[in-house]
PDB file of N, CA and C in Angstrom:
ATOM      1  N   MET A   1     -24.565  31.223  -9.248  1.00  0.00           N
ATOM      2  CA  MET A   1     -23.504  30.320  -8.856  1.00  0.00           C
ATOM      3  C   MET A   1     -22.484  30.242  -9.986  1.00  0.00           C
ATOM      4  N   ARG A   2     -21.200  30.306  -9.630  1.00  0.00           N
ATOM      5  CA  ARG A   2     -20.142  30.229 -10.627  1.00  0.00           C
ATOM      6  C   ARG A   2     -20.023  28.803 -11.150  1.00  0.00           C
ATOM      7  N   LEU A   3     -19.714  28.651 -12.434  1.00  0.00           N
ATOM      8  CA  LEU A   3     -19.643  27.322 -13.039  1.00  0.00           C
ATOM      9  C   LEU A   3     -18.556  26.459 -12.409  1.00  0.00           C
ATOM     10  N   GLY A   4     -17.484  27.077 -11.948  1.00  0.00           N
ATOM     11  CA  GLY A   4     -16.410  26.318 -11.329  1.00  0.00           C
ATOM     12  C   GLY A   4     -16.781  25.723  -9.991  1.00  0.00           C
ATOM     13  N   ASN A   5     -17.820  26.228  -9.366  1.00  0.00           N
ATOM     14  CA  ASN A   5     -18.247  25.740  -8.060  1.00  0.00           C
ATOM     15  C   ASN A   5     -19.365  24.707  -8.142  1.00  0.00           C
ATOM     16  N   VAL A   6     -19.820  24.367  -9.327  1.00  0.00           N
ATOM     17  CA  VAL A   6     -20.968  23.468  -9.468  1.00  0.00           C
ATOM     18  C   VAL A   6     -20.539  22.018  -9.303  1.00  0.00           C
ATOM     19  N   ILE A   7     -19.573  21.552 -10.090  1.00  0.00           N
ATOM     20  CA  ILE A   7     -19.135  20.152 -10.049  1.00  0.00           C
ATOM     21  C   ILE A   7     -18.044  20.022  -9.000  1.00  0.00           C
ATOM     22  N   GLU A   8     -18.266  19.158  -8.013  1.00  0.00           N
ATOM     23  CA  GLU A   8     -17.268  18.957  -6.963  1.00  0.00           C
ATOM     24  C   GLU A   8     -16.289  17.854  -7.329  1.00  0.00           C
ATOM     25  N   LYS A   9     -16.799  16.692  -7.789  1.00  0.00           N
ATOM     26  CA  LYS A   9     -15.908  15.606  -8.196  1.00  0.00           C
ATOM     27  C   LYS A   9     -16.718  14.546  -8.948  1.00  0.00           C
ATOM     28  N   PRO A  10     -16.041  13.749  -9.789  1.00  0.00           N
ATOM     29  CA  PRO A  10     -16.747  12.632 -10.430  1.00  0.00           C
ATOM     30  C   PRO A  10     -16.930  11.489  -9.433  1.00  0.00           C
ATOM     31  N   ILE A  11     -17.964  10.716  -9.639  1.00  0.00           N
ATOM     32  CA  ILE A  11     -18.221   9.555  -8.794  1.00  0.00           C
ATOM     33  C   ILE A  11     -17.837   8.315  -9.588  1.00  0.00           C
ATOM     34  N   LEU A  12     -16.862   7.576  -9.080  1.00  0.00           N
ATOM     35  CA  LEU A  12     -16.359   6.392  -9.767  1.00  0.00           C
ATOM     36  C   LEU A  12     -16.654   5.155  -8.932  1.00  0.00           C
ATOM     37  N   THR A  13     -17.822   4.588  -9.159  1.00  0.00           N
ATOM     38  CA  THR A  13     -18.194   3.327  -8.540  1.00  0.00           C
ATOM     39  C   THR A  13     -18.397   2.318  -9.663  1.00  0.00           C
ATOM     40  N   GLU A  14     -18.617   1.077  -9.301  1.00  0.00           N
ATOM     41  CA  GLU A  14     -18.826   0.045 -10.305  1.00  0.00           C
ATOM     42  C   GLU A  14     -20.059   0.360 -11.156  1.00  0.00           C
ATOM     43  N   LYS A  15     -21.108   0.828 -10.523  1.00  0.00           N
ATOM     44  CA  LYS A  15     -22.334   1.150 -11.244  1.00  0.00           C
ATOM     45  C   LYS A  15     -22.142   2.364 -12.155  1.00  0.00           C
ATOM     46  N   SER A  16     -21.479   3.419 -11.661  1.00  0.00           N
ATOM     47  CA  SER A  16     -21.310   4.618 -12.478  1.00  0.00           C
ATOM     48  C   SER A  16     -20.366   4.381 -13.646  1.00  0.00           C
ATOM     49  N   VAL A  17     -19.358   3.538 -13.466  1.00  0.00           N
ATOM     50  CA  VAL A  17     -18.455   3.209 -14.571  1.00  0.00           C
ATOM     51  C   VAL A  17     -19.207   2.414 -15.636  1.00  0.00           C
ATOM     52  N   GLY A  18     -20.121   1.544 -15.216  1.00  0.00           N
ATOM     53  CA  GLY A  18     -20.943   0.803 -16.173  1.00  0.00           C
ATOM     54  C   GLY A  18     -21.876   1.714 -16.958  1.00  0.00           C
ATOM     55  N   LEU A  19     -22.331   2.800 -16.333  1.00  0.00           N
ATOM     56  CA  LEU A  19     -23.219   3.744 -17.011  1.00  0.00           C
ATOM     57  C   LEU A  19     -22.497   4.566 -18.078  1.00  0.00           C
ATOM     58  N   THR A  20     -21.163   4.683 -17.986  1.00  0.00           N
ATOM     59  CA  THR A  20     -20.429   5.473 -18.979  1.00  0.00           C
ATOM     60  C   THR A  20     -20.522   4.865 -20.367  1.00  0.00           C
ATOM     61  N   GLU A  21     -20.709   3.564 -20.447  1.00  0.00           N
ATOM     62  CA  GLU A  21     -20.869   2.920 -21.758  1.00  0.00           C
ATOM     63  C   GLU A  21     -22.163   3.364 -22.436  1.00  0.00           C
ATOM     64  N   ALA A  22     -23.154   3.753 -21.649  1.00  0.00           N
ATOM     65  CA  ALA A  22     -24.426   4.231 -22.187  1.00  0.00           C
ATOM     66  C   ALA A  22     -24.438   5.751 -22.341  1.00  0.00           C
ATOM     67  N   GLY A  23     -23.299   6.411 -22.097  1.00  0.00           N
ATOM     68  CA  GLY A  23     -23.225   7.860 -22.251  1.00  0.00           C
ATOM     69  C   GLY A  23     -23.741   8.627 -21.055  1.00  0.00           C
ATOM     70  N   ARG A  24     -23.748   8.001 -19.879  1.00  0.00           N
ATOM     71  CA  ARG A  24     -24.202   8.659 -18.645  1.00  0.00           C
ATOM     72  C   ARG A  24     -23.014   8.774 -17.686  1.00  0.00           C
ATOM     73  N   TYR A  25     -22.806   9.978 -17.182  1.00  0.00           N
ATOM     74  CA  TYR A  25     -21.683  10.260 -16.297  1.00  0.00           C
ATOM     75  C   TYR A  25     -22.217  10.821 -14.985  1.00  0.00           C
ATOM     76  N   THR A  26     -21.612  10.401 -13.873  1.00  0.00           N
ATOM     77  CA  THR A  26     -22.114  10.734 -12.549  1.00  0.00           C
ATOM     78  C   THR A  26     -21.136  11.664 -11.837  1.00  0.00           C
ATOM     79  N   PHE A  27     -21.670  12.736 -11.234  1.00  0.00           N
ATOM     80  CA  PHE A  27     -20.864  13.720 -10.529  1.00  0.00           C
ATOM     81  C   PHE A  27     -21.481  14.037  -9.180  1.00  0.00           C
ATOM     82  N   LYS A  28     -20.619  14.367  -8.217  1.00  0.00           N
ATOM     83  CA  LYS A  28     -21.079  14.971  -6.967  1.00  0.00           C
ATOM     84  C   LYS A  28     -21.096  16.468  -7.230  1.00  0.00           C
ATOM     85  N   VAL A  29     -22.244  17.113  -6.973  1.00  0.00           N
ATOM     86  CA  VAL A  29     -22.387  18.535  -7.284  1.00  0.00           C
ATOM     87  C   VAL A  29     -22.748  19.309  -6.021  1.00  0.00           C
ATOM     88  N   ASN A  30     -22.636  20.615  -6.117  1.00  0.00           N
ATOM     89  CA  ASN A  30     -22.977  21.512  -5.028  1.00  0.00           C
ATOM     90  C   ASN A  30     -24.461  21.368  -4.692  1.00  0.00           C
ATOM     91  N   LYS A  31     -24.801  21.482  -3.406  1.00  0.00           N
ATOM     92  CA  LYS A  31     -26.198  21.308  -2.997  1.00  0.00           C
ATOM     93  C   LYS A  31     -27.118  22.374  -3.562  1.00  0.00           C
ATOM     94  N   ALA A  32     -26.581  23.536  -3.926  1.00  0.00           N
ATOM     95  CA  ALA A  32     -27.403  24.615  -4.471  1.00  0.00           C
ATOM     96  C   ALA A  32     -27.487  24.570  -5.994  1.00  0.00           C
ATOM     97  N   ALA A  33     -26.865  23.581  -6.640  1.00  0.00           N
ATOM     98  CA  ALA A  33     -26.836  23.507  -8.100  1.00  0.00           C
ATOM     99  C   ALA A  33     -28.184  23.042  -8.652  1.00  0.00           C
ATOM    100  N   SER A  34     -28.561  23.613  -9.790  1.00  0.00           N
ATOM    101  CA  SER A  34     -29.782  23.203 -10.478  1.00  0.00           C
ATOM    102  C   SER A  34     -29.403  22.386 -11.708  1.00  0.00           C
ATOM    103  N   LYS A  35     -30.414  21.825 -12.369  1.00  0.00           N
ATOM    104  CA  LYS A  35     -30.151  21.033 -13.568  1.00  0.00           C
ATOM    105  C   LYS A  35     -29.487  21.875 -14.657  1.00  0.00           C
ATOM    106  N   GLY A  36     -29.961  23.091 -14.823  1.00  0.00           N
ATOM    107  CA  GLY A  36     -29.402  23.975 -15.839  1.00  0.00           C
ATOM    108  C   GLY A  36     -27.959  24.344 -15.562  1.00  0.00           C
ATOM    109  N   SER A  37     -27.636  24.623 -14.307  1.00  0.00           N
ATOM    110  CA  SER A  37     -26.256  24.983 -13.976  1.00  0.00           C
ATOM    111  C   SER A  37     -25.324  23.783 -14.118  1.00  0.00           C
ATOM    112  N   VAL A  38     -25.801  22.578 -13.796  1.00  0.00           N
ATOM    113  CA  VAL A  38     -24.985  21.377 -13.982  1.00  0.00           C
ATOM    114  C   VAL A  38     -24.739  21.140 -15.466  1.00  0.00           C
ATOM    115  N   ALA A  39     -25.780  21.287 -16.288  1.00  0.00           N
ATOM    116  CA  ALA A  39     -25.635  21.078 -17.728  1.00  0.00           C
ATOM    117  C   ALA A  39     -24.641  22.068 -18.327  1.00  0.00           C
ATOM    118  N   SER A  40     -24.735  23.338 -17.960  1.00  0.00           N
ATOM    119  CA  SER A  40     -23.821  24.331 -18.519  1.00  0.00           C
ATOM    120  C   SER A  40     -22.400  24.127 -18.002  1.00  0.00           C
ATOM    121  N   ALA A  41     -22.231  23.683 -16.752  1.00  0.00           N
ATOM    122  CA  ALA A  41     -20.894  23.422 -16.218  1.00  0.00           C
ATOM    123  C   ALA A  41     -20.232  22.252 -16.933  1.00  0.00           C
ATOM    124  N   VAL A  42     -20.982  21.179 -17.200  1.00  0.00           N
ATOM    125  CA  VAL A  42     -20.424  20.029 -17.930  1.00  0.00           C
ATOM    126  C   VAL A  42     -20.100  20.430 -19.366  1.00  0.00           C
ATOM    127  N   ARG A  43     -20.981  21.204 -19.984  1.00  0.00           N
ATOM    128  CA  ARG A  43     -20.760  21.660 -21.361  1.00  0.00           C
ATOM    129  C   ARG A  43     -19.490  22.507 -21.455  1.00  0.00           C
ATOM    130  N   GLU A  44     -19.306  23.445 -20.528  1.00  0.00           N
ATOM    131  CA  GLU A  44     -18.140  24.336 -20.556  1.00  0.00           C
ATOM    132  C   GLU A  44     -16.859  23.613 -20.154  1.00  0.00           C
ATOM    133  N   THR A  45     -16.930  22.729 -19.170  1.00  0.00           N
ATOM    134  CA  THR A  45     -15.734  22.084 -18.649  1.00  0.00           C
ATOM    135  C   THR A  45     -15.199  21.009 -19.596  1.00  0.00           C
ATOM    136  N   PHE A  46     -16.083  20.168 -20.126  1.00  0.00           N
ATOM    137  CA  PHE A  46     -15.638  19.017 -20.904  1.00  0.00           C
ATOM    138  C   PHE A  46     -15.876  19.160 -22.399  1.00  0.00           C
ATOM    139  N   GLY A  47     -16.599  20.176 -22.847  1.00  0.00           N
ATOM    140  CA  GLY A  47     -16.827  20.402 -24.271  1.00  0.00           C
ATOM    141  C   GLY A  47     -17.691  19.355 -24.933  1.00  0.00           C
ATOM    142  N   VAL A  48     -18.726  18.885 -24.242  1.00  0.00           N
ATOM    143  CA  VAL A  48     -19.648  17.893 -24.806  1.00  0.00           C
ATOM    144  C   VAL A  48     -21.057  18.481 -24.820  1.00  0.00           C
ATOM    145  N   ASP A  49     -21.948  17.867 -25.605  1.00  0.00           N
ATOM    146  CA  ASP A  49     -23.339  18.302 -25.681  1.00  0.00           C
ATOM    147  C   ASP A  49     -24.167  17.504 -24.681  1.00  0.00           C
ATOM    148  N   VAL A  50     -24.792  18.195 -23.739  1.00  0.00           N
ATOM    149  CA  VAL A  50     -25.594  17.551 -22.689  1.00  0.00           C
ATOM    150  C   VAL A  50     -27.014  17.372 -23.199  1.00  0.00           C
ATOM    151  N   VAL A  51     -27.534  16.136 -23.092  1.00  0.00           N
ATOM    152  CA  VAL A  51     -28.893  15.823 -23.526  1.00  0.00           C
ATOM    153  C   VAL A  51     -29.863  15.874 -22.352  1.00  0.00           C
ATOM    154  N   ASP A  52     -29.445  15.329 -21.189  1.00  0.00           N
ATOM    155  CA  ASP A  52     -30.352  15.200 -20.056  1.00  0.00           C
ATOM    156  C   ASP A  52     -29.557  15.243 -18.756  1.00  0.00           C
ATOM    157  N   VAL A  53     -30.173  15.786 -17.701  1.00  0.00           N
ATOM    158  CA  VAL A  53     -29.569  15.813 -16.368  1.00  0.00           C
ATOM    159  C   VAL A  53     -30.599  15.322 -15.365  1.00  0.00           C
ATOM    160  N   LYS A  54     -30.199  14.371 -14.542  1.00  0.00           N
ATOM    161  CA  LYS A  54     -31.049  13.895 -13.454  1.00  0.00           C
ATOM    162  C   LYS A  54     -30.328  14.214 -12.142  1.00  0.00           C
ATOM    163  N   ILE A  55     -31.070  14.791 -11.194  1.00  0.00           N
ATOM    164  CA  ILE A  55     -30.520  15.203  -9.911  1.00  0.00           C
ATOM    165  C   ILE A  55     -31.099  14.308  -8.810  1.00  0.00           C
ATOM    166  N   LEU A  56     -30.230  13.835  -7.908  1.00  0.00           N
ATOM    167  CA  LEU A  56     -30.662  13.023  -6.777  1.00  0.00           C
ATOM    168  C   LEU A  56     -30.106  13.616  -5.495  1.00  0.00           C
ATOM    169  N   LEU A  57     -30.949  13.717  -4.475  1.00  0.00           N
ATOM    170  CA  LEU A  57     -30.497  14.143  -3.155  1.00  0.00           C
ATOM    171  C   LEU A  57     -30.166  12.889  -2.355  1.00  0.00           C
ATOM    172  N   MET A  58     -28.909  12.750  -1.990  1.00  0.00           N
ATOM    173  CA  MET A  58     -28.450  11.553  -1.298  1.00  0.00           C
ATOM    174  C   MET A  58     -28.422  11.826   0.210  1.00  0.00           C
ATOM    175  N   PRO A  59     -29.047  10.958   1.009  1.00  0.00           N
ATOM    176  CA  PRO A  59     -29.056  11.178   2.458  1.00  0.00           C
ATOM    177  C   PRO A  59     -27.693  10.852   3.073  1.00  0.00           C
ATOM    178  N   GLY A  60     -27.348  11.571   4.138  1.00  0.00           N
ATOM    179  CA  GLY A  60     -26.118  11.286   4.866  1.00  0.00           C
ATOM    180  C   GLY A  60     -26.267   9.995   5.664  1.00  0.00           C
ATOM    181  N   LYS A  61     -25.136   9.423   6.041  1.00  0.00           N
ATOM    182  CA  LYS A  61     -25.143   8.169   6.788  1.00  0.00           C
ATOM    183  C   LYS A  61     -24.957   8.437   8.279  1.00  0.00           C
ATOM    184  N   THR A  62     -25.469   7.533   9.087  1.00  0.00           N
ATOM    185  CA  THR A  62     -25.282   7.608  10.527  1.00  0.00           C
ATOM    186  C   THR A  62     -24.013   6.846  10.880  1.00  0.00           C
ATOM    187  N   LYS A  63     -23.117   7.500  11.611  1.00  0.00           N
ATOM    188  CA  LYS A  63     -21.850   6.895  12.005  1.00  0.00           C
ATOM    189  C   LYS A  63     -21.763   6.869  13.523  1.00  0.00           C
ATOM    190  N   ARG A  64     -21.134   5.828  14.059  1.00  0.00           N
ATOM    191  CA  ARG A  64     -20.934   5.717  15.496  1.00  0.00           C
ATOM    192  C   ARG A  64     -19.658   6.461  15.872  1.00  0.00           C
ATOM    193  N   VAL A  65     -19.702   7.211  16.962  1.00  0.00           N
ATOM    194  CA  VAL A  65     -18.540   7.950  17.453  1.00  0.00           C
ATOM    195  C   VAL A  65     -17.784   7.057  18.429  1.00  0.00           C
ATOM    196  N   ARG A  66     -16.506   6.825  18.141  1.00  0.00           N
ATOM    197  CA  ARG A  66     -15.706   5.950  18.993  1.00  0.00           C
ATOM    198  C   ARG A  66     -15.385   6.619  20.319  1.00  0.00           C
ATOM    199  N   GLY A  67     -15.378   5.835  21.370  1.00  0.00           N
ATOM    200  CA  GLY A  67     -14.941   6.302  22.677  1.00  0.00           C
ATOM    201  C   GLY A  67     -15.960   7.123  23.446  1.00  0.00           C
ATOM    202  N   SER A  68     -17.172   7.219  22.946  1.00  0.00           N
ATOM    203  CA  SER A  68     -18.154   8.033  23.667  1.00  0.00           C
ATOM    204  C   SER A  68     -19.436   7.253  23.947  1.00  0.00           C
ATOM    205  N   GLY A  69     -19.321   5.977  24.153  1.00  0.00           N
ATOM    206  CA  GLY A  69     -20.495   5.186  24.511  1.00  0.00           C
ATOM    207  C   GLY A  69     -21.402   4.936  23.328  1.00  0.00           C
ATOM    208  N   ASN A  70     -22.674   5.303  23.478  1.00  0.00           N
ATOM    209  CA  ASN A  70     -23.654   5.033  22.436  1.00  0.00           C
ATOM    210  C   ASN A  70     -24.016   6.278  21.635  1.00  0.00           C
ATOM    211  N   SER A  71     -23.087   7.183  21.399  1.00  0.00           N
ATOM    212  CA  SER A  71     -23.439   8.389  20.649  1.00  0.00           C
ATOM    213  C   SER A  71     -23.178   8.190  19.163  1.00  0.00           C
ATOM    214  N   PHE A  72     -23.983   8.833  18.364  1.00  0.00           N
ATOM    215  CA  PHE A  72     -23.898   8.733  16.916  1.00  0.00           C
ATOM    216  C   PHE A  72     -23.837  10.135  16.318  1.00  0.00           C
ATOM    217  N   THR A  73     -23.299  10.232  15.132  1.00  0.00           N
ATOM    218  CA  THR A  73     -23.289  11.481  14.377  1.00  0.00           C
ATOM    219  C   THR A  73     -23.756  11.169  12.958  1.00  0.00           C
ATOM    220  N   LYS A  74     -24.130  12.184  12.227  1.00  0.00           N
ATOM    221  CA  LYS A  74     -24.650  11.985  10.873  1.00  0.00           C
ATOM    222  C   LYS A  74     -23.799  12.781   9.892  1.00  0.00           C
ATOM    223  N   THR A  75     -23.405  12.135   8.799  1.00  0.00           N
ATOM    224  CA  THR A  75     -22.677  12.849   7.757  1.00  0.00           C
ATOM    225  C   THR A  75     -23.678  13.712   6.994  1.00  0.00           C
ATOM    226  N   PRO A  76     -23.221  14.786   6.361  1.00  0.00           N
ATOM    227  CA  PRO A  76     -24.170  15.685   5.699  1.00  0.00           C
ATOM    228  C   PRO A  76     -24.796  15.064   4.451  1.00  0.00           C
ATOM    229  N   ASN A  77     -25.998  15.523   4.119  1.00  0.00           N
ATOM    230  CA  ASN A  77     -26.642  15.131   2.877  1.00  0.00           C
ATOM    231  C   ASN A  77     -25.862  15.749   1.720  1.00  0.00           C
ATOM    232  N   TRP A  78     -25.948  15.138   0.526  1.00  0.00           N
ATOM    233  CA  TRP A  78     -25.243  15.654  -0.636  1.00  0.00           C
ATOM    234  C   TRP A  78     -26.066  15.437  -1.885  1.00  0.00           C
ATOM    235  N   LYS A  79     -25.644  16.048  -2.984  1.00  0.00           N
ATOM    236  CA  LYS A  79     -26.409  16.006  -4.229  1.00  0.00           C
ATOM    237  C   LYS A  79     -25.590  15.324  -5.316  1.00  0.00           C
ATOM    238  N   LYS A  80     -26.257  14.437  -6.051  1.00  0.00           N
ATOM    239  CA  LYS A  80     -25.621  13.695  -7.136  1.00  0.00           C
ATOM    240  C   LYS A  80     -26.329  14.037  -8.437  1.00  0.00           C
ATOM    241  N   ALA A  81     -25.554  14.173  -9.523  1.00  0.00           N
ATOM    242  CA  ALA A  81     -26.123  14.455 -10.840  1.00  0.00           C
ATOM    243  C   ALA A  81     -25.665  13.376 -11.813  1.00  0.00           C
ATOM    244  N   VAL A  82     -26.629  12.825 -12.561  1.00  0.00           N
ATOM    245  CA  VAL A  82     -26.330  11.880 -13.636  1.00  0.00           C
ATOM    246  C   VAL A  82     -26.597  12.615 -14.944  1.00  0.00           C
ATOM    247  N   VAL A  83     -25.536  12.801 -15.729  1.00  0.00           N
ATOM    248  CA  VAL A  83     -25.595  13.599 -16.947  1.00  0.00           C
ATOM    249  C   VAL A  83     -25.508  12.670 -18.149  1.00  0.00           C
ATOM    250  N   ARG A  84     -26.474  12.813 -19.071  1.00  0.00           N
ATOM    251  CA  ARG A  84     -26.446  12.030 -20.319  1.00  0.00           C
ATOM    252  C   ARG A  84     -25.962  12.953 -21.419  1.00  0.00           C
ATOM    253  N   ILE A  85     -24.977  12.469 -22.190  1.00  0.00           N
ATOM    254  CA  ILE A  85     -24.434  13.285 -23.274  1.00  0.00           C
ATOM    255  C   ILE A  85     -24.810  12.665 -24.611  1.00  0.00           C
ATOM    256  N   LYS A  86     -24.565  13.423 -25.678  1.00  0.00           N
ATOM    257  CA  LYS A  86     -24.914  12.997 -27.028  1.00  0.00           C
ATOM    258  C   LYS A  86     -24.195  11.702 -27.388  1.00  0.00           C
ATOM    259  N   PRO A  87     -24.855  10.786 -28.095  1.00  0.00           N
ATOM    260  CA  PRO A  87     -24.194   9.535 -28.498  1.00  0.00           C
ATOM    261  C   PRO A  87     -22.964   9.823 -29.352  1.00  0.00           C
ATOM    262  N   GLY A  88     -21.917   9.047 -29.118  1.00  0.00           N
ATOM    263  CA  GLY A  88     -20.673   9.218 -29.864  1.00  0.00           C
ATOM    264  C   GLY A  88     -19.674  10.124 -29.180  1.00  0.00           C
ATOM    265  N   GLN A  89     -20.091  10.848 -28.150  1.00  0.00           N
ATOM    266  CA  GLN A  89     -19.177  11.725 -27.424  1.00  0.00           C
ATOM    267  C   GLN A  89     -18.754  11.050 -26.124  1.00  0.00           C
ATOM    268  N   LYS A  90     -17.569  11.417 -25.627  1.00  0.00           N
ATOM    269  CA  LYS A  90     -17.066  10.866 -24.374  1.00  0.00           C
ATOM    270  C   LYS A  90     -16.425  11.979 -23.568  1.00  0.00           C
ATOM    271  N   ILE A  91     -16.371  11.773 -22.270  1.00  0.00           N
ATOM    272  CA  ILE A  91     -15.642  12.668 -21.384  1.00  0.00           C
ATOM    273  C   ILE A  91     -14.309  11.984 -21.083  1.00  0.00           C
ATOM    274  N   ASP A  92     -13.210  12.624 -21.468  1.00  0.00           N
ATOM    275  CA  ASP A  92     -11.895  12.009 -21.364  1.00  0.00           C
ATOM    276  C   ASP A  92     -11.477  11.737 -19.927  1.00  0.00           C
ATOM    277  N   LEU A  93     -11.959  12.529 -18.988  1.00  0.00           N
ATOM    278  CA  LEU A  93     -11.592  12.351 -17.593  1.00  0.00           C
ATOM    279  C   LEU A  93     -11.930  10.943 -17.113  1.00  0.00           C
ATOM    280  N   PHE A  94     -13.089  10.436 -17.460  1.00  0.00           N
ATOM    281  CA  PHE A  94     -13.515   9.124 -17.013  1.00  0.00           C
ATOM    282  C   PHE A  94     -12.709   8.024 -17.684  1.00  0.00           C
ATOM    283  N   THR A  95     -12.419   8.175 -18.971  1.00  0.00           N
ATOM    284  CA  THR A  95     -11.664   7.129 -19.658  1.00  0.00           C
ATOM    285  C   THR A  95     -10.232   7.062 -19.143  1.00  0.00           C
ATOM    286  N   LYS A  96      -9.640   8.206 -18.762  1.00  0.00           N
ATOM    287  CA  LYS A  96      -8.297   8.206 -18.207  1.00  0.00           C
ATOM    288  C   LYS A  96      -8.278   7.558 -16.830  1.00  0.00           C
ATOM    289  N   LEU A  97      -9.291   7.843 -16.010  1.00  0.00           N
ATOM    290  CA  LEU A  97      -9.343   7.267 -14.670  1.00  0.00           C
ATOM    291  C   LEU A  97      -9.649   5.777 -14.681  1.00  0.00           C
ATOM    292  N   MET A  98     -10.377   5.308 -15.688  1.00  0.00           N
ATOM    293  CA  MET A  98     -10.715   3.892 -15.765  1.00  0.00           C
ATOM    294  C   MET A  98      -9.610   3.079 -16.435  1.00  0.00           C
ATOM    295  N   GLY A  99      -8.648   3.732 -17.090  1.00  0.00           N
ATOM    296  CA  GLY A  99      -7.536   3.020 -17.693  1.00  0.00           C
ATOM    297  C   GLY A  99      -7.790   2.532 -19.103  1.00  0.00           C
ATOM    298  N   GLU A 100      -8.842   3.012 -19.761  1.00  0.00           N
ATOM    299  CA  GLU A 100      -9.111   2.602 -21.138  1.00  0.00           C
ATOM    300  C   GLU A 100      -8.303   3.468 -22.078  1.00  0.00           C
ATOM    301  N   LYS A 101      -8.138   2.970 -23.299  1.00  0.00           N
ATOM    302  CA  LYS A 101      -7.400   3.734 -24.308  1.00  0.00           C
ATOM    303  C   LYS A 101      -8.332   4.377 -25.281  1.00  0.00           C
TER     304      LYS A 101
END
């Protein structure tokens, strides 16, 4: 898998922004990505030292389809990675999106 295809987007929720203070950053990653490929993609993309990677498989949600009675559809499952980096290092992308200086 190419490194550019591993990280899809950062996840910016209240909980994930709180984790950035502890040096943990959350990303939505490709379903075929492994811990090693996520670590190398973060290392190459942001220039930080990765200490630990945790992978979670997130289940899709059930949504009701409007205008078709009682039919439902399911959004696809996806994969989330929580990456811990070396103390003292930061990923600038998150600090810019959160508005910190």
